[in-house]
Amino acid sequence: MAKSSFRTIEISDPNFEPSGLRFMTIKTSNLLGRGDLCLFVPQQAEDHQHLPIYILLHGVYGSAWAWALKGGAHQSFQQLLEEGMVQPAVIAMPSDGLWGDGSAYFTHHQKAFDQWIVEDVPLAIAENIAGTSTASPLCIGGLSMGGYGALSLGSRFPGRFRAISGHSSITRLEQMTQFVEEPLGEYSKECETPHVIDSMLANKDQLPPIRFDCGNADELIQANRTLHQEMNAAKIQHNYQEYPGGHEWPYWQEHIRKTFLFFDQHVK
């Protein structure tokens, strides 16, 4: 077996994995410790060489299990596979690094939460999951704080991702204060591009395809409408949609399929 890029990786035993879900715990210098990763690996994975990897980022309070065990993301993807609507892909659901109520997916407090997502997660998958490789196309999506992470990281590292998707996204760093108990200063003093639009404008000519949506009863609806307007003013191509619903799991359970269909479209 090839030497690992990480000091330690603990992987679940396939004999005990539920519903195609696999779990990994990875020690990485980016987190100054361990990070958790939940994966959905379709049965067809081993028949491929460069299977796409779709990274889904969770919101505040959650961890690597949230998208699967509260959102049923793996079940939604499996249904699309069985319907012939998408090609096989690995669904990667990492923790955010478990700082405070939520790390916001960028570097602060000497921990590179962004590099954990952008570099460590794909590499750990490529080294340990059959059918994937370092050439596997990547897409990134998320909900709420995870939407902030997806839109921000996808824009800051545009060459890494084929497509970006956000649901009910935080769009400006100060919106974190609606959800977390940590003071805004704990985040803002180390963030050079605190607003999603800042990251997009910095790499305007390199951005991959972007979609995002929000429920019309969501407390972040005006923030998402403002981002839509800012992107229009900057002539940044994107797809923005609103649907009935609030900032809640039933909304994300319903609309995650749109993310998978969008990703599939852009990795073919």
Protein backbone atom coordinates (compact mmCIF):
# COMPACT_ATOMS: atom_id res chain seq x y z
CA MET A 1 0.00 0.00 0.00
CA ALA A 2 1.32 3.45 -0.91
CA LYS A 3 2.53 5.69 1.89
CA SER A 4 -0.15 8.02 3.22
CA SER A 5 0.20 11.79 3.12
CA PHE A 6 -1.23 11.89 6.65
CA ARG A 7 0.27 10.66 9.89
CA THR A 8 -2.87 8.70 10.76
CA ILE A 9 -6.14 7.83 9.05
CA GLU A 10 -8.79 5.68 10.73
CA ILE A 11 -11.38 4.23 8.32
CA SER A 12 -14.63 2.42 9.13
CA ASP A 13 -14.95 -1.30 8.46
CA PRO A 14 -17.12 -2.02 5.36
CA ASN A 15 -18.78 -4.88 7.28
CA PHE A 16 -20.42 -2.37 9.60
CA GLU A 17 -21.01 0.65 7.36
CA PRO A 18 -24.68 1.68 7.13
CA SER A 19 -26.34 2.53 3.81
CA GLY A 20 -23.11 2.94 1.87
CA LEU A 21 -21.75 5.49 4.34
CA ARG A 22 -18.05 5.37 5.20
CA PHE A 23 -16.33 7.29 7.98
CA MET A 24 -12.76 8.54 8.22
CA THR A 25 -10.82 10.39 10.90
CA ILE A 26 -7.71 12.12 9.61
CA LYS A 27 -4.89 13.75 11.52
CA THR A 28 -3.72 16.87 9.69
CA SER A 29 -1.41 19.75 10.48
CA ASN A 30 -4.02 22.09 9.00
CA LEU A 31 -6.28 21.39 11.99
CA LEU A 32 -3.45 20.81 14.46
CA GLY A 33 -5.20 17.52 15.15
CA ARG A 34 -7.93 15.30 13.74
CA GLY A 35 -10.83 15.97 11.39
CA ASP A 36 -13.83 13.77 10.59
CA LEU A 37 -15.18 12.89 7.17
CA CYS A 38 -18.37 11.07 6.22
CA LEU A 39 -18.54 9.62 2.71
CA PHE A 40 -21.17 8.08 0.51
CA VAL A 41 -19.43 5.67 -1.84
CA PRO A 42 -21.72 4.18 -4.51
CA GLN A 43 -21.37 0.51 -5.37
CA GLN A 44 -20.19 1.45 -8.86
CA ALA A 45 -17.14 3.31 -7.49
CA GLU A 46 -14.57 0.62 -8.17
CA ASP A 47 -15.48 0.57 -11.87
CA HIS A 48 -14.04 4.08 -12.28
CA GLN A 49 -10.62 5.71 -12.18
CA HIS A 50 -11.38 9.41 -11.60
CA LEU A 51 -14.79 9.41 -9.96
CA PRO A 52 -16.11 12.94 -9.26
CA ILE A 53 -16.04 14.10 -5.63
CA TYR A 54 -18.87 16.34 -4.40
CA ILE A 55 -18.01 18.10 -1.14
CA LEU A 56 -20.98 19.14 1.02
CA LEU A 57 -20.33 21.54 3.90
CA HIS A 58 -22.59 21.55 6.96
CA GLY A 59 -23.89 24.54 8.90
CA VAL A 60 -23.33 25.75 12.47
CA TYR A 61 -23.60 23.28 15.35
CA GLY A 62 -23.22 20.27 13.04
CA SER A 63 -20.42 17.95 11.99
CA ALA A 64 -19.52 15.34 9.40
CA TRP A 65 -22.69 13.32 10.03
CA ALA A 66 -25.20 16.17 9.52
CA TRP A 67 -25.75 16.07 5.75
CA ALA A 68 -26.31 12.31 5.82
CA LEU A 69 -28.15 11.77 9.10
CA LYS A 70 -30.26 14.95 9.12
CA GLY A 71 -30.37 15.72 5.40
CA GLY A 72 -30.43 12.26 3.84
CA ALA A 73 -28.07 13.53 1.15
CA HIS A 74 -26.77 10.07 0.35
CA GLN A 75 -30.31 8.74 -0.11
CA SER A 76 -31.20 11.61 -2.45
CA PHE A 77 -28.10 10.94 -4.52
CA GLN A 78 -28.79 7.19 -4.63
CA GLN A 79 -32.31 7.89 -5.89
CA LEU A 80 -30.94 10.09 -8.67
CA LEU A 81 -28.48 7.33 -9.58
CA GLU A 82 -31.25 4.75 -9.78
CA GLU A 83 -33.34 7.13 -11.91
CA GLY A 84 -30.40 7.54 -14.30
CA MET A 85 -30.35 11.28 -13.63
CA VAL A 86 -26.69 11.44 -12.51
CA GLN A 87 -23.49 9.51 -12.98
CA PRO A 88 -21.72 7.92 -9.98
CA ALA A 89 -19.78 10.21 -7.66
CA VAL A 90 -18.44 10.15 -4.12
CA ILE A 91 -20.31 12.46 -1.73
CA ALA A 92 -17.85 13.88 0.81
CA MET A 93 -19.30 15.41 3.98
CA PRO A 94 -16.47 16.72 6.18
CA SER A 95 -16.64 18.37 9.55
CA ASP A 96 -15.81 22.08 9.58
CA GLY A 97 -12.97 21.50 12.03
CA LEU A 98 -15.24 21.78 15.10
CA TRP A 99 -14.18 25.22 16.32
CA GLY A 100 -16.77 27.01 18.45
CA ASP A 101 -20.30 26.87 17.06
CA GLY A 102 -18.79 26.90 13.56
CA SER A 103 -15.40 27.60 11.98
CA ALA A 104 -16.79 29.43 8.89
CA TYR A 105 -14.28 27.45 6.80
CA PHE A 106 -11.33 29.86 6.71
CA THR A 107 -8.03 30.11 8.59
CA HIS A 108 -8.09 31.53 12.11
CA HIS A 109 -6.70 30.65 15.54
CA GLN A 110 -3.73 28.92 13.86
CA LYS A 111 -6.02 26.38 12.20
CA ALA A 112 -6.42 26.27 8.41
CA PHE A 113 -10.06 25.22 8.17
CA ASP A 114 -10.03 26.22 4.49
CA GLN A 115 -7.01 24.07 3.58
CA TRP A 116 -8.57 21.16 5.46
CA ILE A 117 -11.52 21.29 3.05
CA VAL A 118 -9.73 22.25 -0.16
CA GLU A 119 -6.60 20.11 0.17
CA ASP A 120 -6.89 17.44 2.88
CA VAL A 121 -10.37 16.13 2.16
CA PRO A 122 -9.83 15.43 -1.59
CA LEU A 123 -6.37 13.98 -0.94
CA ALA A 124 -7.55 11.64 1.80
CA ILE A 125 -10.30 10.40 -0.50
CA ALA A 126 -7.95 9.93 -3.46
CA GLU A 127 -5.54 7.90 -1.34
CA ASN A 128 -8.14 5.68 0.32
CA ILE A 129 -11.26 5.33 -1.82
CA ALA A 130 -11.15 3.03 -4.85
CA GLY A 131 -12.24 4.69 -8.09
CA THR A 132 -11.05 8.16 -7.10
CA SER A 133 -7.75 9.90 -7.72
CA THR A 134 -6.03 13.26 -7.46
CA ALA A 135 -7.48 13.91 -10.94
CA SER A 136 -11.09 13.41 -9.76
CA PRO A 137 -13.14 16.51 -10.62
CA LEU A 138 -14.31 18.39 -7.52
CA CYS A 139 -17.49 20.35 -6.80
CA ILE A 140 -18.40 22.12 -3.58
CA GLY A 141 -21.74 22.95 -1.97
CA GLY A 142 -23.24 23.59 1.43
CA LEU A 143 -26.03 25.00 3.57
CA SER A 144 -26.11 28.11 5.75
CA MET A 145 -22.53 28.47 7.10
CA GLY A 146 -21.66 25.66 4.71
CA GLY A 147 -23.13 27.71 1.87
CA TYR A 148 -20.86 30.56 2.95
CA GLY A 149 -17.96 28.12 2.91
CA ALA A 150 -18.86 26.72 -0.51
CA LEU A 151 -19.38 30.10 -2.16
CA SER A 152 -16.26 31.56 -0.53
CA LEU A 153 -13.89 28.61 -1.00
CA GLY A 154 -15.16 27.94 -4.51
CA SER A 155 -14.41 31.56 -5.36
CA ARG A 156 -11.07 31.78 -3.53
CA PHE A 157 -9.79 28.55 -5.11
CA PRO A 158 -11.59 28.59 -8.48
CA GLY A 159 -9.14 26.27 -10.19
CA ARG A 160 -10.00 23.49 -7.77
CA PHE A 161 -13.72 23.21 -8.46
CA ARG A 162 -15.94 22.52 -11.47
CA ALA A 163 -19.09 23.99 -9.86
CA ILE A 164 -20.37 25.73 -6.69
CA SER A 165 -23.78 25.45 -5.02
CA GLY A 166 -25.24 27.08 -1.91
CA HIS A 167 -28.50 26.61 0.00
CA SER A 168 -29.75 29.28 2.42
CA SER A 169 -26.23 30.68 2.50
CA ILE A 170 -24.65 33.13 4.87
CA THR A 171 -23.21 35.70 2.45
CA ARG A 172 -21.40 38.15 4.77
CA LEU A 173 -19.33 37.19 7.78
CA GLU A 174 -21.30 39.34 10.24
CA GLN A 175 -24.36 37.16 9.60
CA MET A 176 -22.61 34.45 11.64
CA THR A 177 -23.61 36.40 14.75
CA GLN A 178 -27.23 35.36 14.14
CA PHE A 179 -26.23 31.78 14.96
CA VAL A 180 -23.02 31.56 17.04
CA GLU A 181 -22.05 32.68 20.53
CA GLU A 182 -18.44 33.49 19.60
CA PRO A 183 -17.88 37.25 19.11
CA LEU A 184 -17.55 38.45 15.52
CA GLY A 185 -14.05 39.69 16.30
CA GLU A 186 -12.89 36.11 16.80
CA TYR A 187 -13.53 35.61 13.09
CA SER A 188 -13.12 39.01 11.46
CA LYS A 189 -9.63 39.85 12.70
CA GLU A 190 -8.18 37.05 10.58
CA CYS A 191 -10.44 37.18 7.49
CA GLU A 192 -9.20 39.17 4.49
CA THR A 193 -12.32 38.61 2.36
CA PRO A 194 -15.19 38.44 4.87
CA HIS A 195 -17.99 38.70 2.31
CA VAL A 196 -18.75 36.23 -0.47
CA ILE A 197 -18.83 38.97 -3.08
CA ASP A 198 -15.26 39.99 -2.12
CA SER A 199 -13.94 36.53 -3.01
CA MET A 200 -15.93 36.50 -6.23
CA LEU A 201 -14.71 39.90 -7.37
CA ALA A 202 -11.10 38.93 -6.60
CA ASN A 203 -11.33 36.01 -9.06
CA LYS A 204 -14.12 37.24 -11.30
CA ASP A 205 -12.67 35.90 -14.55
CA GLN A 206 -11.89 32.43 -13.19
CA LEU A 207 -15.07 31.46 -11.37
CA PRO A 208 -16.66 28.09 -12.10
CA PRO A 209 -20.44 27.83 -12.66
CA ILE A 210 -22.40 28.98 -9.60
CA ARG A 211 -25.93 28.34 -8.38
CA PHE A 212 -27.60 29.18 -5.07
CA ASP A 213 -31.09 29.23 -3.62
CA CYS A 214 -32.93 30.33 -0.50
CA GLY A 215 -36.33 29.82 1.10
CA ASN A 216 -38.62 32.82 0.95
CA ALA A 217 -39.33 32.54 4.69
CA ASP A 218 -35.63 32.23 5.58
CA GLU A 219 -34.01 34.87 7.81
CA LEU A 220 -31.20 35.00 5.24
CA ILE A 221 -33.46 35.66 2.26
CA GLN A 222 -32.56 39.35 1.97
CA ALA A 223 -28.86 38.53 2.24
CA ASN A 224 -29.19 36.09 -0.65
CA ARG A 225 -31.17 38.58 -2.70
CA THR A 226 -28.46 41.18 -2.09
CA LEU A 227 -25.73 38.77 -3.23
CA HIS A 228 -27.78 38.04 -6.35
CA GLN A 229 -28.00 41.78 -7.05
CA GLU A 230 -24.28 42.28 -6.38
CA MET A 231 -23.40 39.48 -8.77
CA ASN A 232 -25.69 40.91 -11.43
CA ALA A 233 -24.08 44.34 -11.01
CA ALA A 234 -20.63 42.77 -11.39
CA LYS A 235 -21.82 40.72 -14.39
CA ILE A 236 -20.96 37.44 -12.67
CA GLN A 237 -22.97 34.66 -14.28
CA HIS A 238 -24.98 32.55 -11.87
CA ASN A 239 -28.33 30.90 -11.24
CA TYR A 240 -30.31 32.13 -8.24
CA GLN A 241 -33.69 30.74 -7.20
CA GLU A 242 -36.17 31.16 -4.35
CA TYR A 243 -38.58 28.51 -3.08
CA PRO A 244 -41.12 28.20 -0.27
CA GLY A 245 -39.52 27.34 3.05
CA GLY A 246 -37.37 28.51 5.92
CA HIS A 247 -33.95 27.90 7.42
CA GLU A 248 -34.61 24.26 8.20
CA TRP A 249 -33.77 20.70 7.26
CA PRO A 250 -36.98 19.95 5.32
CA TYR A 251 -35.98 22.71 2.89
CA TRP A 252 -32.44 21.36 2.45
CA GLN A 253 -33.66 17.77 2.16
CA GLU A 254 -35.89 18.83 -0.70
CA HIS A 255 -33.43 20.96 -2.64
CA ILE A 256 -30.13 19.04 -2.33
CA ARG A 257 -31.13 17.19 -5.51
CA LYS A 258 -30.69 20.46 -7.41
CA THR A 259 -27.09 20.61 -6.24
CA PHE A 260 -26.38 17.06 -7.40
CA LEU A 261 -27.97 17.64 -10.81
CA PHE A 262 -25.99 20.88 -11.20
CA PHE A 263 -22.73 19.19 -10.28
CA ASP A 264 -23.37 16.27 -12.59
CA GLN A 265 -23.99 18.68 -15.46
CA HIS A 266 -20.60 20.31 -14.97
CA VAL A 267 -18.39 17.23 -14.54
CA LYS A 268 -19.52 15.44 -17.69
